[in-house]
């Protein structure tokens, strides 16, 4: 998981912090299985949104890439 946080940190500090908070909550929550499934569902949803509309998720795209894709 540290590798994923490193990659997110290179792309966006805010997204790295968001995922780090999800991991922390997952580790300390008394109802771990519910939080784990909720986190997985949230990350799958975000992944689908990035796949379908990459510009809809701020901080996960290269600035100016939208203009290049329109050419």
PDB file of N, CA and C in Angstrom:
ATOM      1  N   UNK A   1       0.806  -1.178   0.000  1.00  0.00           N
ATOM      2  CA  UNK A   1       0.000   0.000   0.000  1.00  0.00           C
ATOM      3  C   UNK A   1       0.860   1.256   0.000  1.00  0.00           C
ATOM      4  N   UNK A   2       2.067   1.148   0.569  1.00  0.00           N
ATOM      5  CA  UNK A   2       2.947   2.318   0.577  1.00  0.00           C
ATOM      6  C   UNK A   2       3.292   2.760  -0.835  1.00  0.00           C
ATOM      7  N   UNK A   3       3.415   1.826  -1.762  1.00  0.00           N
ATOM      8  CA  UNK A   3       3.719   2.192  -3.140  1.00  0.00           C
ATOM      9  C   UNK A   3       2.586   3.003  -3.755  1.00  0.00           C
ATOM     10  N   UNK A   4       1.357   2.631  -3.450  1.00  0.00           N
ATOM     11  CA  UNK A   4       0.211   3.379  -3.972  1.00  0.00           C
ATOM     12  C   UNK A   4       0.190   4.786  -3.393  1.00  0.00           C
ATOM     13  N   UNK A   5       0.489   4.928  -2.107  1.00  0.00           N
ATOM     14  CA  UNK A   5       0.514   6.262  -1.507  1.00  0.00           C
ATOM     15  C   UNK A   5       1.634   7.106  -2.096  1.00  0.00           C
ATOM     16  N   UNK A   6       2.773   6.482  -2.388  1.00  0.00           N
ATOM     17  CA  UNK A   6       3.868   7.221  -3.020  1.00  0.00           C
ATOM     18  C   UNK A   6       3.443   7.727  -4.401  1.00  0.00           C
ATOM     19  N   UNK A   7       2.837   6.860  -5.195  1.00  0.00           N
ATOM     20  CA  UNK A   7       2.393   7.262  -6.533  1.00  0.00           C
ATOM     21  C   UNK A   7       1.342   8.369  -6.447  1.00  0.00           C
ATOM     22  N   UNK A   8       0.403   8.245  -5.511  1.00  0.00           N
ATOM     23  CA  UNK A   8      -0.595   9.294  -5.340  1.00  0.00           C
ATOM     24  C   UNK A   8       0.045  10.592  -4.872  1.00  0.00           C
ATOM     25  N   UNK A   9       1.055  10.491  -4.014  1.00  0.00           N
ATOM     26  CA  UNK A   9       1.742  11.679  -3.527  1.00  0.00           C
ATOM     27  C   UNK A   9       2.479  12.417  -4.626  1.00  0.00           C
ATOM     28  N   UNK A  10       2.993  11.674  -5.587  1.00  0.00           N
ATOM     29  CA  UNK A  10       3.662  12.301  -6.726  1.00  0.00           C
ATOM     30  C   UNK A  10       2.639  13.021  -7.593  1.00  0.00           C
ATOM     31  N   UNK A  11       1.455  12.427  -7.737  1.00  0.00           N
ATOM     32  CA  UNK A  11       0.412  13.025  -8.569  1.00  0.00           C
ATOM     33  C   UNK A  11      -0.328  14.136  -7.840  1.00  0.00           C
ATOM     34  N   UNK A  12      -0.744  13.882  -6.614  1.00  0.00           N
ATOM     35  CA  UNK A  12      -1.561  14.852  -5.894  1.00  0.00           C
ATOM     36  C   UNK A  12      -1.470  14.583  -4.391  1.00  0.00           C
ATOM     37  N   UNK A  13      -1.008  15.582  -3.660  1.00  0.00           N
ATOM     38  CA  UNK A  13      -0.910  15.456  -2.205  1.00  0.00           C
ATOM     39  C   UNK A  13      -2.301  15.299  -1.587  1.00  0.00           C
ATOM     40  N   UNK A  14      -3.288  15.990  -2.128  1.00  0.00           N
ATOM     41  CA  UNK A  14      -4.640  15.890  -1.567  1.00  0.00           C
ATOM     42  C   UNK A  14      -5.219  14.480  -1.716  1.00  0.00           C
ATOM     43  N   UNK A  15      -5.014  13.855  -2.883  1.00  0.00           N
ATOM     44  CA  UNK A  15      -5.519  12.491  -3.073  1.00  0.00           C
ATOM     45  C   UNK A  15      -4.757  11.508  -2.200  1.00  0.00           C
ATOM     46  N   UNK A  16      -3.452  11.734  -2.004  1.00  0.00           N
ATOM     47  CA  UNK A  16      -2.678  10.871  -1.126  1.00  0.00           C
ATOM     48  C   UNK A  16      -3.220  10.977   0.298  1.00  0.00           C
ATOM     49  N   UNK A  17      -3.501  12.196   0.747  1.00  0.00           N
ATOM     50  CA  UNK A  17      -4.036  12.391   2.089  1.00  0.00           C
ATOM     51  C   UNK A  17      -5.414  11.736   2.225  1.00  0.00           C
ATOM     52  N   UNK A  18      -6.249  11.856   1.197  1.00  0.00           N
ATOM     53  CA  UNK A  18      -7.575  11.244   1.209  1.00  0.00           C
ATOM     54  C   UNK A  18      -7.475   9.723   1.376  1.00  0.00           C
ATOM     55  N   UNK A  19      -6.622   9.096   0.594  1.00  0.00           N
ATOM     56  CA  UNK A  19      -6.469   7.639   0.675  1.00  0.00           C
ATOM     57  C   UNK A  19      -5.820   7.243   2.001  1.00  0.00           C
ATOM     58  N   UNK A  20      -4.876   8.044   2.495  1.00  0.00           N
ATOM     59  CA  UNK A  20      -4.252   7.752   3.783  1.00  0.00           C
ATOM     60  C   UNK A  20      -5.281   7.804   4.917  1.00  0.00           C
ATOM     61  N   UNK A  21      -6.198   8.763   4.849  1.00  0.00           N
ATOM     62  CA  UNK A  21      -7.266   8.837   5.861  1.00  0.00           C
ATOM     63  C   UNK A  21      -8.181   7.622   5.757  1.00  0.00           C
ATOM     64  N   UNK A  22      -8.511   7.221   4.537  1.00  0.00           N
ATOM     65  CA  UNK A  22      -9.329   6.006   4.373  1.00  0.00           C
ATOM     66  C   UNK A  22      -8.635   4.788   4.983  1.00  0.00           C
ATOM     67  N   UNK A  23      -7.348   4.660   4.764  1.00  0.00           N
ATOM     68  CA  UNK A  23      -6.593   3.529   5.313  1.00  0.00           C
ATOM     69  C   UNK A  23      -6.577   3.596   6.836  1.00  0.00           C
ATOM     70  N   UNK A  24      -6.355   4.791   7.388  1.00  0.00           N
ATOM     71  CA  UNK A  24      -6.319   4.948   8.847  1.00  0.00           C
ATOM     72  C   UNK A  24      -7.670   4.588   9.470  1.00  0.00           C
ATOM     73  N   UNK A  25      -8.751   5.077   8.863  1.00  0.00           N
ATOM     74  CA  UNK A  25     -10.088   4.759   9.379  1.00  0.00           C
ATOM     75  C   UNK A  25     -10.341   3.261   9.284  1.00  0.00           C
ATOM     76  N   UNK A  26      -9.889   2.667   8.196  1.00  0.00           N
ATOM     77  CA  UNK A  26     -10.053   1.224   8.009  1.00  0.00           C
ATOM     78  C   UNK A  26      -9.342   0.436   9.109  1.00  0.00           C
ATOM     79  N   UNK A  27      -8.190   0.928   9.533  1.00  0.00           N
ATOM     80  CA  UNK A  27      -7.395   0.210  10.540  1.00  0.00           C
ATOM     81  C   UNK A  27      -7.946   0.380  11.951  1.00  0.00           C
ATOM     82  N   UNK A  28      -8.538   1.537  12.272  1.00  0.00           N
ATOM     83  CA  UNK A  28      -8.944   1.784  13.658  1.00  0.00           C
ATOM     84  C   UNK A  28     -10.448   1.621  13.900  1.00  0.00           C
ATOM     85  N   UNK A  29     -11.236   1.468  12.860  1.00  0.00           N
ATOM     86  CA  UNK A  29     -12.686   1.344  13.035  1.00  0.00           C
ATOM     87  C   UNK A  29     -13.033   0.013  13.705  1.00  0.00           C
ATOM     88  N   UNK A  30     -13.985   0.051  14.624  1.00  0.00           N
ATOM     89  CA  UNK A  30     -14.378  -1.199  15.290  1.00  0.00           C
ATOM     90  C   UNK A  30     -15.136  -2.152  14.365  1.00  0.00           C
ATOM     91  N   UNK A  31     -15.738  -1.655  13.314  1.00  0.00           N
ATOM     92  CA  UNK A  31     -16.472  -2.478  12.355  1.00  0.00           C
ATOM     93  C   UNK A  31     -15.681  -2.532  11.057  1.00  0.00           C
ATOM     94  N   UNK A  32     -14.515  -3.177  11.097  1.00  0.00           N
ATOM     95  CA  UNK A  32     -13.548  -3.171  10.001  1.00  0.00           C
ATOM     96  C   UNK A  32     -14.100  -3.697   8.684  1.00  0.00           C
ATOM     97  N   UNK A  33     -14.854  -4.766   8.720  1.00  0.00           N
ATOM     98  CA  UNK A  33     -15.317  -5.346   7.451  1.00  0.00           C
ATOM     99  C   UNK A  33     -16.255  -4.395   6.715  1.00  0.00           C
ATOM    100  N   UNK A  34     -17.122  -3.717   7.432  1.00  0.00           N
ATOM    101  CA  UNK A  34     -18.033  -2.761   6.799  1.00  0.00           C
ATOM    102  C   UNK A  34     -17.253  -1.603   6.189  1.00  0.00           C
ATOM    103  N   UNK A  35     -16.277  -1.077   6.923  1.00  0.00           N
ATOM    104  CA  UNK A  35     -15.464   0.033   6.422  1.00  0.00           C
ATOM    105  C   UNK A  35     -14.608  -0.424   5.244  1.00  0.00           C
ATOM    106  N   UNK A  36     -14.089  -1.640   5.293  1.00  0.00           N
ATOM    107  CA  UNK A  36     -13.274  -2.157   4.194  1.00  0.00           C
ATOM    108  C   UNK A  36     -14.093  -2.261   2.913  1.00  0.00           C
ATOM    109  N   UNK A  37     -15.300  -2.799   3.008  1.00  0.00           N
ATOM    110  CA  UNK A  37     -16.153  -2.913   1.823  1.00  0.00           C
ATOM    111  C   UNK A  37     -16.598  -1.538   1.324  1.00  0.00           C
ATOM    112  N   UNK A  38     -16.875  -0.635   2.242  1.00  0.00           N
ATOM    113  CA  UNK A  38     -17.248   0.722   1.850  1.00  0.00           C
ATOM    114  C   UNK A  38     -16.108   1.437   1.142  1.00  0.00           C
ATOM    115  N   UNK A  39     -14.890   1.283   1.665  1.00  0.00           N
ATOM    116  CA  UNK A  39     -13.709   1.879   1.037  1.00  0.00           C
ATOM    117  C   UNK A  39     -13.478   1.285  -0.347  1.00  0.00           C
ATOM    118  N   UNK A  40     -13.613  -0.019  -0.451  1.00  0.00           N
ATOM    119  CA  UNK A  40     -13.427  -0.676  -1.752  1.00  0.00           C
ATOM    120  C   UNK A  40     -14.462  -0.174  -2.758  1.00  0.00           C
ATOM    121  N   UNK A  41     -15.704  -0.068  -2.325  1.00  0.00           N
ATOM    122  CA  UNK A  41     -16.754   0.416  -3.226  1.00  0.00           C
ATOM    123  C   UNK A  41     -16.495   1.855  -3.653  1.00  0.00           C
ATOM    124  N   UNK A  42     -16.051   2.696  -2.728  1.00  0.00           N
ATOM    125  CA  UNK A  42     -15.744   4.087  -3.050  1.00  0.00           C
ATOM    126  C   UNK A  42     -14.600   4.181  -4.048  1.00  0.00           C
ATOM    127  N   UNK A  43     -13.541   3.401  -3.844  1.00  0.00           N
ATOM    128  CA  UNK A  43     -12.402   3.443  -4.754  1.00  0.00           C
ATOM    129  C   UNK A  43     -12.748   2.886  -6.134  1.00  0.00           C
ATOM    130  N   UNK A  44     -13.601   1.859  -6.191  1.00  0.00           N
ATOM    131  CA  UNK A  44     -14.052   1.339  -7.482  1.00  0.00           C
ATOM    132  C   UNK A  44     -14.884   2.394  -8.201  1.00  0.00           C
ATOM    133  N   UNK A  45     -15.752   3.076  -7.465  1.00  0.00           N
ATOM    134  CA  UNK A  45     -16.568   4.139  -8.054  1.00  0.00           C
ATOM    135  C   UNK A  45     -15.683   5.262  -8.611  1.00  0.00           C
ATOM    136  N   UNK A  46     -14.710   5.694  -7.838  1.00  0.00           N
ATOM    137  CA  UNK A  46     -13.800   6.744  -8.310  1.00  0.00           C
ATOM    138  C   UNK A  46     -13.031   6.262  -9.536  1.00  0.00           C
ATOM    139  N   UNK A  47     -12.606   5.008  -9.537  1.00  0.00           N
ATOM    140  CA  UNK A  47     -11.908   4.446 -10.693  1.00  0.00           C
ATOM    141  C   UNK A  47     -12.772   4.445 -11.942  1.00  0.00           C
ATOM    142  N   UNK A  48     -14.036   4.102 -11.795  1.00  0.00           N
ATOM    143  CA  UNK A  48     -14.950   4.103 -12.944  1.00  0.00           C
ATOM    144  C   UNK A  48     -15.158   5.520 -13.451  1.00  0.00           C
ATOM    145  N   UNK A  49     -15.304   6.479 -12.528  1.00  0.00           N
ATOM    146  CA  UNK A  49     -15.470   7.873 -12.942  1.00  0.00           C
ATOM    147  C   UNK A  49     -14.237   8.355 -13.691  1.00  0.00           C
ATOM    148  N   UNK A  50     -13.050   8.001 -13.202  1.00  0.00           N
ATOM    149  CA  UNK A  50     -11.809   8.393 -13.889  1.00  0.00           C
ATOM    150  C   UNK A  50     -11.735   7.750 -15.262  1.00  0.00           C
ATOM    151  N   UNK A  51     -12.187   6.518 -15.385  1.00  0.00           N
ATOM    152  CA  UNK A  51     -12.165   5.819 -16.667  1.00  0.00           C
ATOM    153  C   UNK A  51     -13.135   6.445 -17.662  1.00  0.00           C
ATOM    154  N   UNK A  52     -14.337   6.781 -17.200  1.00  0.00           N
ATOM    155  CA  UNK A  52     -15.369   7.317 -18.082  1.00  0.00           C
ATOM    156  C   UNK A  52     -15.148   8.793 -18.395  1.00  0.00           C
ATOM    157  N   UNK A  53     -14.851   9.575 -17.384  1.00  0.00           N
ATOM    158  CA  UNK A  53     -14.688  11.028 -17.552  1.00  0.00           C
ATOM    159  C   UNK A  53     -13.481  11.496 -16.749  1.00  0.00           C
ATOM    160  N   UNK A  54     -12.277  11.348 -17.286  1.00  0.00           N
ATOM    161  CA  UNK A  54     -11.068  11.648 -16.519  1.00  0.00           C
ATOM    162  C   UNK A  54     -10.984  13.087 -16.021  1.00  0.00           C
ATOM    163  N   UNK A  55     -11.578  14.017 -16.714  1.00  0.00           N
ATOM    164  CA  UNK A  55     -11.496  15.408 -16.280  1.00  0.00           C
ATOM    165  C   UNK A  55     -12.479  15.728 -15.161  1.00  0.00           C
ATOM    166  N   UNK A  56     -13.367  14.800 -14.815  1.00  0.00           N
ATOM    167  CA  UNK A  56     -14.352  15.031 -13.765  1.00  0.00           C
ATOM    168  C   UNK A  56     -13.756  14.912 -12.365  1.00  0.00           C
ATOM    169  N   UNK A  57     -12.593  14.270 -12.256  1.00  0.00           N
ATOM    170  CA  UNK A  57     -11.956  14.088 -10.953  1.00  0.00           C
ATOM    171  C   UNK A  57     -10.741  15.008 -10.881  1.00  0.00           C
ATOM    172  N   UNK A  58     -10.843  16.088 -10.117  1.00  0.00           N
ATOM    173  CA  UNK A  58      -9.732  17.043 -10.067  1.00  0.00           C
ATOM    174  C   UNK A  58      -8.508  16.454  -9.381  1.00  0.00           C
ATOM    175  N   UNK A  59      -7.366  16.815  -9.859  1.00  0.00           N
ATOM    176  CA  UNK A  59      -6.118  16.392  -9.237  1.00  0.00           C
ATOM    177  C   UNK A  59      -5.574  15.075  -9.734  1.00  0.00           C
ATOM    178  N   UNK A  60      -6.308  14.357 -10.556  1.00  0.00           N
ATOM    179  CA  UNK A  60      -5.817  13.075 -11.057  1.00  0.00           C
ATOM    180  C   UNK A  60      -5.486  13.114 -12.543  1.00  0.00           C
ATOM    181  N   UNK A  61      -5.525  14.277 -13.136  1.00  0.00           N
ATOM    182  CA  UNK A  61      -5.185  14.406 -14.544  1.00  0.00           C
ATOM    183  C   UNK A  61      -4.045  15.401 -14.699  1.00  0.00           C
ATOM    184  N   UNK A  62      -3.353  15.317 -15.790  1.00  0.00           N
ATOM    185  CA  UNK A  62      -2.261  16.230 -16.078  1.00  0.00           C
ATOM    186  C   UNK A  62      -2.860  17.559 -16.526  1.00  0.00           C
ATOM    187  N   UNK A  63      -2.422  18.674 -15.916  1.00  0.00           N
ATOM    188  CA  UNK A  63      -2.963  19.971 -16.328  1.00  0.00           C
ATOM    189  C   UNK A  63      -2.734  20.211 -17.821  1.00  0.00           C
ATOM    190  N   UNK A  64      -3.754  20.659 -18.529  1.00  0.00           N
ATOM    191  CA  UNK A  64      -3.663  20.926 -19.956  1.00  0.00           C
ATOM    192  C   UNK A  64      -3.895  19.700 -20.817  1.00  0.00           C
ATOM    193  N   UNK A  65      -4.057  18.534 -20.216  1.00  0.00           N
ATOM    194  CA  UNK A  65      -4.250  17.305 -20.981  1.00  0.00           C
ATOM    195  C   UNK A  65      -5.595  17.320 -21.704  1.00  0.00           C
ATOM    196  N   UNK A  66      -6.611  17.932 -21.113  1.00  0.00           N
ATOM    197  CA  UNK A  66      -7.925  18.007 -21.738  1.00  0.00           C
ATOM    198  C   UNK A  66      -7.843  18.738 -23.080  1.00  0.00           C
ATOM    199  N   UNK A  67      -7.064  19.830 -23.110  1.00  0.00           N
ATOM    200  CA  UNK A  67      -6.906  20.584 -24.353  1.00  0.00           C
ATOM    201  C   UNK A  67      -6.206  19.743 -25.409  1.00  0.00           C
ATOM    202  N   UNK A  68      -5.242  18.931 -25.006  1.00  0.00           N
ATOM    203  CA  UNK A  68      -4.513  18.086 -25.949  1.00  0.00           C
ATOM    204  C   UNK A  68      -5.401  16.972 -26.492  1.00  0.00           C
ATOM    205  N   UNK A  69      -6.322  16.475 -25.652  1.00  0.00           N
ATOM    206  CA  UNK A  69      -7.201  15.397 -26.081  1.00  0.00           C
ATOM    207  C   UNK A  69      -8.232  15.888 -27.091  1.00  0.00           C
ATOM    208  N   UNK A  70      -8.554  17.170 -27.051  1.00  0.00           N
ATOM    209  CA  UNK A  70      -9.563  17.723 -27.939  1.00  0.00           C
ATOM    210  C   UNK A  70      -9.024  17.959 -29.336  1.00  0.00           C
ATOM    211  N   UNK A  71      -7.700  17.939 -29.515  1.00  0.00           N
ATOM    212  CA  UNK A  71      -7.109  18.196 -30.842  1.00  0.00           C
ATOM    213  C   UNK A  71      -7.299  17.047 -31.767  1.00  0.00           C
TER     214      UNK A  71
END
